[in-house]
Amino acid sequence: MSKKSYSLSGAQANALLHFWLTAYSDYIASRVLLNSGLLIQGAILASTSIEKYFKGRYNSIHPNPNI
């Protein structure tokens, strides 16, 4: 299986990095909430984290300047 390479502009790479860094911050915060017994809040923040990761990944493959 061959790997595809993608080329991103500086702004697109910055947006991707922003999505992934905020997704990681949300992930850490959701872990804290879940470990503190706040299950609903932790689950909501975990789903937000996953959404940001996928949005960043999708945007890296299909760049959209409006996001």
PDB file of N, CA and C in Angstrom:
ATOM      1  N   MET A   1       0.848  -1.166   0.000  1.00  0.00           N
ATOM      2  CA  MET A   1       0.000   0.000   0.000  1.00  0.00           C
ATOM      3  C   MET A   1       0.896   1.231   0.000  1.00  0.00           C
ATOM      4  N   SER A   2       0.684   2.104  -0.952  1.00  0.00           N
ATOM      5  CA  SER A   2       1.501   3.308  -1.030  1.00  0.00           C
ATOM      6  C   SER A   2       0.845   4.433  -0.234  1.00  0.00           C
ATOM      7  N   LYS A   3       1.689   5.259   0.352  1.00  0.00           N
ATOM      8  CA  LYS A   3       1.191   6.395   1.117  1.00  0.00           C
ATOM      9  C   LYS A   3       1.043   7.601   0.200  1.00  0.00           C
ATOM     10  N   LYS A   4      -0.026   8.361   0.413  1.00  0.00           N
ATOM     11  CA  LYS A   4      -0.219   9.596  -0.319  1.00  0.00           C
ATOM     12  C   LYS A   4       0.434  10.719   0.468  1.00  0.00           C
ATOM     13  N   SER A   5       0.998  11.645  -0.246  1.00  0.00           N
ATOM     14  CA  SER A   5       1.548  12.811   0.430  1.00  0.00           C
ATOM     15  C   SER A   5       0.676  14.016   0.101  1.00  0.00           C
ATOM     16  N   TYR A   6       0.547  14.890   1.069  1.00  0.00           N
ATOM     17  CA  TYR A   6      -0.278  16.074   0.917  1.00  0.00           C
ATOM     18  C   TYR A   6       0.577  17.301   1.155  1.00  0.00           C
ATOM     19  N   SER A   7       0.275  18.340   0.435  1.00  0.00           N
ATOM     20  CA  SER A   7       0.988  19.590   0.594  1.00  0.00           C
ATOM     21  C   SER A   7       0.027  20.626   1.170  1.00  0.00           C
ATOM     22  N   LEU A   8       0.438  21.263   2.263  1.00  0.00           N
ATOM     23  CA  LEU A   8      -0.401  22.262   2.906  1.00  0.00           C
ATOM     24  C   LEU A   8       0.305  23.608   2.876  1.00  0.00           C
ATOM     25  N   SER A   9      -0.483  24.653   2.729  1.00  0.00           N
ATOM     26  CA  SER A   9       0.089  25.992   2.850  1.00  0.00           C
ATOM     27  C   SER A   9       0.330  26.281   4.325  1.00  0.00           C
ATOM     28  N   GLY A  10       0.980  27.383   4.613  1.00  0.00           N
ATOM     29  CA  GLY A  10       1.243  27.740   6.001  1.00  0.00           C
ATOM     30  C   GLY A  10      -0.024  27.932   6.807  1.00  0.00           C
ATOM     31  N   ALA A  11      -1.021  28.583   6.204  1.00  0.00           N
ATOM     32  CA  ALA A  11      -2.286  28.817   6.905  1.00  0.00           C
ATOM     33  C   ALA A  11      -3.031  27.506   7.152  1.00  0.00           C
ATOM     34  N   GLN A  12      -2.996  26.608   6.176  1.00  0.00           N
ATOM     35  CA  GLN A  12      -3.666  25.315   6.344  1.00  0.00           C
ATOM     36  C   GLN A  12      -2.972  24.473   7.409  1.00  0.00           C
ATOM     37  N   ALA A  13      -1.640  24.498   7.419  1.00  0.00           N
ATOM     38  CA  ALA A  13      -0.896  23.753   8.433  1.00  0.00           C
ATOM     39  C   ALA A  13      -1.151  24.342   9.815  1.00  0.00           C
ATOM     40  N   ASN A  14      -1.266  25.654   9.895  1.00  0.00           N
ATOM     41  CA  ASN A  14      -1.557  26.307  11.163  1.00  0.00           C
ATOM     42  C   ASN A  14      -2.953  25.920  11.663  1.00  0.00           C
ATOM     43  N   ALA A  15      -3.926  25.876  10.758  1.00  0.00           N
ATOM     44  CA  ALA A  15      -5.286  25.478  11.137  1.00  0.00           C
ATOM     45  C   ALA A  15      -5.304  24.027  11.615  1.00  0.00           C
ATOM     46  N   LEU A  16      -4.578  23.153  10.926  1.00  0.00           N
ATOM     47  CA  LEU A  16      -4.508  21.746  11.326  1.00  0.00           C
ATOM     48  C   LEU A  16      -3.897  21.624  12.712  1.00  0.00           C
ATOM     49  N   LEU A  17      -2.807  22.323  12.946  1.00  0.00           N
ATOM     50  CA  LEU A  17      -2.154  22.279  14.243  1.00  0.00           C
ATOM     51  C   LEU A  17      -3.075  22.811  15.334  1.00  0.00           C
ATOM     52  N   HIS A  18      -3.812  23.874  15.019  1.00  0.00           N
ATOM     53  CA  HIS A  18      -4.758  24.443  15.981  1.00  0.00           C
ATOM     54  C   HIS A  18      -5.841  23.422  16.347  1.00  0.00           C
ATOM     55  N   PHE A  19      -6.408  22.748  15.359  1.00  0.00           N
ATOM     56  CA  PHE A  19      -7.428  21.734  15.633  1.00  0.00           C
ATOM     57  C   PHE A  19      -6.874  20.639  16.527  1.00  0.00           C
ATOM     58  N   TRP A  20      -5.678  20.151  16.202  1.00  0.00           N
ATOM     59  CA  TRP A  20      -5.116  19.031  16.964  1.00  0.00           C
ATOM     60  C   TRP A  20      -4.685  19.436  18.365  1.00  0.00           C
ATOM     61  N   LEU A  21      -4.163  20.634  18.532  1.00  0.00           N
ATOM     62  CA  LEU A  21      -3.774  21.075  19.876  1.00  0.00           C
ATOM     63  C   LEU A  21      -4.992  21.299  20.770  1.00  0.00           C
ATOM     64  N   THR A  22      -6.041  21.899  20.220  1.00  0.00           N
ATOM     65  CA  THR A  22      -7.247  22.089  21.024  1.00  0.00           C
ATOM     66  C   THR A  22      -7.945  20.758  21.282  1.00  0.00           C
ATOM     67  N   ALA A  23      -7.867  19.832  20.323  1.00  0.00           N
ATOM     68  CA  ALA A  23      -8.438  18.501  20.547  1.00  0.00           C
ATOM     69  C   ALA A  23      -7.700  17.801  21.680  1.00  0.00           C
ATOM     70  N   TYR A  24      -6.381  17.941  21.729  1.00  0.00           N
ATOM     71  CA  TYR A  24      -5.606  17.309  22.799  1.00  0.00           C
ATOM     72  C   TYR A  24      -5.926  17.948  24.148  1.00  0.00           C
ATOM     73  N   SER A  25      -6.067  19.262  24.175  1.00  0.00           N
ATOM     74  CA  SER A  25      -6.436  19.947  25.426  1.00  0.00           C
ATOM     75  C   SER A  25      -7.811  19.488  25.909  1.00  0.00           C
ATOM     76  N   ASP A  26      -8.757  19.365  24.981  1.00  0.00           N
ATOM     77  CA  ASP A  26     -10.085  18.868  25.343  1.00  0.00           C
ATOM     78  C   ASP A  26     -10.022  17.436  25.837  1.00  0.00           C
ATOM     79  N   TYR A  27      -9.164  16.620  25.239  1.00  0.00           N
ATOM     80  CA  TYR A  27      -9.003  15.232  25.670  1.00  0.00           C
ATOM     81  C   TYR A  27      -8.504  15.166  27.111  1.00  0.00           C
ATOM     82  N   ILE A  28      -7.484  15.962  27.415  1.00  0.00           N
ATOM     83  CA  ILE A  28      -6.938  15.976  28.775  1.00  0.00           C
ATOM     84  C   ILE A  28      -8.003  16.448  29.771  1.00  0.00           C
ATOM     85  N   ALA A  29      -8.729  17.506  29.405  1.00  0.00           N
ATOM     86  CA  ALA A  29      -9.777  18.019  30.289  1.00  0.00           C
ATOM     87  C   ALA A  29     -10.885  16.984  30.484  1.00  0.00           C
ATOM     88  N   SER A  30     -11.234  16.258  29.427  1.00  0.00           N
ATOM     89  CA  SER A  30     -12.278  15.236  29.560  1.00  0.00           C
ATOM     90  C   SER A  30     -11.822  14.100  30.467  1.00  0.00           C
ATOM     91  N   ARG A  31     -10.535  13.737  30.401  1.00  0.00           N
ATOM     92  CA  ARG A  31     -10.004  12.710  31.312  1.00  0.00           C
ATOM     93  C   ARG A  31     -10.116  13.143  32.769  1.00  0.00           C
ATOM     94  N   VAL A  32      -9.808  14.418  33.023  1.00  0.00           N
ATOM     95  CA  VAL A  32      -9.911  14.944  34.388  1.00  0.00           C
ATOM     96  C   VAL A  32     -11.360  14.885  34.861  1.00  0.00           C
ATOM     97  N   LEU A  33     -12.280  15.313  34.008  1.00  0.00           N
ATOM     98  CA  LEU A  33     -13.697  15.282  34.377  1.00  0.00           C
ATOM     99  C   LEU A  33     -14.178  13.858  34.624  1.00  0.00           C
ATOM    100  N   LEU A  34     -13.813  12.937  33.748  1.00  0.00           N
ATOM    101  CA  LEU A  34     -14.251  11.548  33.909  1.00  0.00           C
ATOM    102  C   LEU A  34     -13.677  10.933  35.181  1.00  0.00           C
ATOM    103  N   ASN A  35     -12.413  11.215  35.460  1.00  0.00           N
ATOM    104  CA  ASN A  35     -11.787  10.682  36.676  1.00  0.00           C
ATOM    105  C   ASN A  35     -12.335  11.325  37.939  1.00  0.00           C
ATOM    106  N   SER A  36     -12.941  12.506  37.800  1.00  0.00           N
ATOM    107  CA  SER A  36     -13.545  13.195  38.946  1.00  0.00           C
ATOM    108  C   SER A  36     -14.994  12.788  39.157  1.00  0.00           C
ATOM    109  N   GLY A  37     -15.492  11.916  38.307  1.00  0.00           N
ATOM    110  CA  GLY A  37     -16.862  11.442  38.457  1.00  0.00           C
ATOM    111  C   GLY A  37     -17.895  12.266  37.712  1.00  0.00           C
ATOM    112  N   LEU A  38     -17.473  13.250  36.948  1.00  0.00           N
ATOM    113  CA  LEU A  38     -18.408  14.062  36.162  1.00  0.00           C
ATOM    114  C   LEU A  38     -18.553  13.432  34.782  1.00  0.00           C
ATOM    115  N   LEU A  39     -19.345  12.373  34.731  1.00  0.00           N
ATOM    116  CA  LEU A  39     -19.411  11.540  33.530  1.00  0.00           C
ATOM    117  C   LEU A  39     -20.035  12.248  32.332  1.00  0.00           C
ATOM    118  N   ILE A  40     -21.123  12.956  32.541  1.00  0.00           N
ATOM    119  CA  ILE A  40     -21.803  13.604  31.414  1.00  0.00           C
ATOM    120  C   ILE A  40     -20.910  14.694  30.819  1.00  0.00           C
ATOM    121  N   GLN A  41     -20.349  15.550  31.677  1.00  0.00           N
ATOM    122  CA  GLN A  41     -19.488  16.625  31.191  1.00  0.00           C
ATOM    123  C   GLN A  41     -18.244  16.062  30.510  1.00  0.00           C
ATOM    124  N   GLY A  42     -17.677  15.001  31.093  1.00  0.00           N
ATOM    125  CA  GLY A  42     -16.503  14.375  30.500  1.00  0.00           C
ATOM    126  C   GLY A  42     -16.796  13.745  29.155  1.00  0.00           C
ATOM    127  N   ALA A  43     -17.953  13.104  29.036  1.00  0.00           N
ATOM    128  CA  ALA A  43     -18.323  12.475  27.766  1.00  0.00           C
ATOM    129  C   ALA A  43     -18.555  13.522  26.678  1.00  0.00           C
ATOM    130  N   ILE A  44     -19.183  14.634  27.057  1.00  0.00           N
ATOM    131  CA  ILE A  44     -19.422  15.700  26.078  1.00  0.00           C
ATOM    132  C   ILE A  44     -18.105  16.280  25.596  1.00  0.00           C
ATOM    133  N   LEU A  45     -17.187  16.531  26.506  1.00  0.00           N
ATOM    134  CA  LEU A  45     -15.901  17.097  26.119  1.00  0.00           C
ATOM    135  C   LEU A  45     -15.073  16.091  25.324  1.00  0.00           C
ATOM    136  N   ALA A  46     -15.197  14.805  25.644  1.00  0.00           N
ATOM    137  CA  ALA A  46     -14.484  13.778  24.871  1.00  0.00           C
ATOM    138  C   ALA A  46     -14.998  13.735  23.435  1.00  0.00           C
ATOM    139  N   SER A  47     -16.308  13.845  23.264  1.00  0.00           N
ATOM    140  CA  SER A  47     -16.845  13.830  21.897  1.00  0.00           C
ATOM    141  C   SER A  47     -16.416  15.078  21.131  1.00  0.00           C
ATOM    142  N   THR A  48     -16.316  16.213  21.816  1.00  0.00           N
ATOM    143  CA  THR A  48     -15.824  17.427  21.184  1.00  0.00           C
ATOM    144  C   THR A  48     -14.380  17.258  20.740  1.00  0.00           C
ATOM    145  N   SER A  49     -13.587  16.606  21.581  1.00  0.00           N
ATOM    146  CA  SER A  49     -12.186  16.355  21.253  1.00  0.00           C
ATOM    147  C   SER A  49     -12.065  15.482  20.006  1.00  0.00           C
ATOM    148  N   ILE A  50     -12.851  14.443  19.934  1.00  0.00           N
ATOM    149  CA  ILE A  50     -12.820  13.546  18.775  1.00  0.00           C
ATOM    150  C   ILE A  50     -13.261  14.294  17.515  1.00  0.00           C
ATOM    151  N   GLU A  51     -14.294  15.120  17.654  1.00  0.00           N
ATOM    152  CA  GLU A  51     -14.778  15.897  16.507  1.00  0.00           C
ATOM    153  C   GLU A  51     -13.694  16.837  15.980  1.00  0.00           C
ATOM    154  N   LYS A  52     -12.966  17.485  16.880  1.00  0.00           N
ATOM    155  CA  LYS A  52     -11.908  18.403  16.441  1.00  0.00           C
ATOM    156  C   LYS A  52     -10.777  17.655  15.756  1.00  0.00           C
ATOM    157  N   TYR A  53     -10.437  16.467  16.268  1.00  0.00           N
ATOM    158  CA  TYR A  53      -9.379  15.691  15.632  1.00  0.00           C
ATOM    159  C   TYR A  53      -9.795  15.303  14.207  1.00  0.00           C
ATOM    160  N   PHE A  54     -11.013  14.780  14.058  1.00  0.00           N
ATOM    161  CA  PHE A  54     -11.475  14.383  12.729  1.00  0.00           C
ATOM    162  C   PHE A  54     -11.631  15.582  11.793  1.00  0.00           C
ATOM    163  N   LYS A  55     -12.080  16.705  12.320  1.00  0.00           N
ATOM    164  CA  LYS A  55     -12.220  17.903  11.495  1.00  0.00           C
ATOM    165  C   LYS A  55     -10.853  18.367  10.994  1.00  0.00           C
ATOM    166  N   GLY A  56      -9.853  18.315  11.864  1.00  0.00           N
ATOM    167  CA  GLY A  56      -8.504  18.671  11.442  1.00  0.00           C
ATOM    168  C   GLY A  56      -7.961  17.706  10.411  1.00  0.00           C
ATOM    169  N   ARG A  57      -8.205  16.422  10.608  1.00  0.00           N
ATOM    170  CA  ARG A  57      -7.736  15.412   9.657  1.00  0.00           C
ATOM    171  C   ARG A  57      -8.423  15.577   8.306  1.00  0.00           C
ATOM    172  N   TYR A  58      -9.735  15.779   8.322  1.00  0.00           N
ATOM    173  CA  TYR A  58     -10.472  15.957   7.074  1.00  0.00           C
ATOM    174  C   TYR A  58     -10.005  17.217   6.354  1.00  0.00           C
ATOM    175  N   ASN A  59      -9.775  18.285   7.138  1.00  0.00           N
ATOM    176  CA  ASN A  59      -9.344  19.541   6.544  1.00  0.00           C
ATOM    177  C   ASN A  59      -7.930  19.438   5.962  1.00  0.00           C
ATOM    178  N   SER A  60      -7.123  18.527   6.479  1.00  0.00           N
ATOM    179  CA  SER A  60      -5.786  18.361   5.911  1.00  0.00           C
ATOM    180  C   SER A  60      -5.849  17.638   4.566  1.00  0.00           C
ATOM    181  N   ILE A  61      -6.850  16.801   4.371  1.00  0.00           N
ATOM    182  CA  ILE A  61      -7.004  16.073   3.109  1.00  0.00           C
ATOM    183  C   ILE A  61      -7.780  16.902   2.098  1.00  0.00           C
ATOM    184  N   HIS A  62      -8.824  17.582   2.561  1.00  0.00           N
ATOM    185  CA  HIS A  62      -9.683  18.401   1.703  1.00  0.00           C
ATOM    186  C   HIS A  62      -9.659  19.828   2.238  1.00  0.00           C
ATOM    187  N   PRO A  63      -8.622  20.593   1.928  1.00  0.00           N
ATOM    188  CA  PRO A  63      -8.487  21.947   2.478  1.00  0.00           C
ATOM    189  C   PRO A  63      -9.686  22.836   2.130  1.00  0.00           C
ATOM    190  N   ASN A  64     -10.163  23.532   3.139  1.00  0.00           N
ATOM    191  CA  ASN A  64     -11.277  24.455   2.972  1.00  0.00           C
ATOM    192  C   ASN A  64     -10.904  25.761   3.691  1.00  0.00           C
ATOM    193  N   PRO A  65     -10.736  26.845   2.969  1.00  0.00           N
ATOM    194  CA  PRO A  65     -10.303  28.090   3.608  1.00  0.00           C
ATOM    195  C   PRO A  65     -11.370  28.713   4.512  1.00  0.00           C
ATOM    196  N   ASN A  66     -12.599  28.230   4.452  1.00  0.00           N
ATOM    197  CA  ASN A  66     -13.677  28.816   5.245  1.00  0.00           C
ATOM    198  C   ASN A  66     -13.792  28.242   6.648  1.00  0.00           C
ATOM    199  N   ILE A  67     -13.018  27.211   6.957  1.00  0.00           N
ATOM    200  CA  ILE A  67     -13.109  26.591   8.282  1.00  0.00           C
ATOM    201  C   ILE A  67     -12.161  27.280   9.230  1.00  0.00           C
TER     202      ILE A  67
END
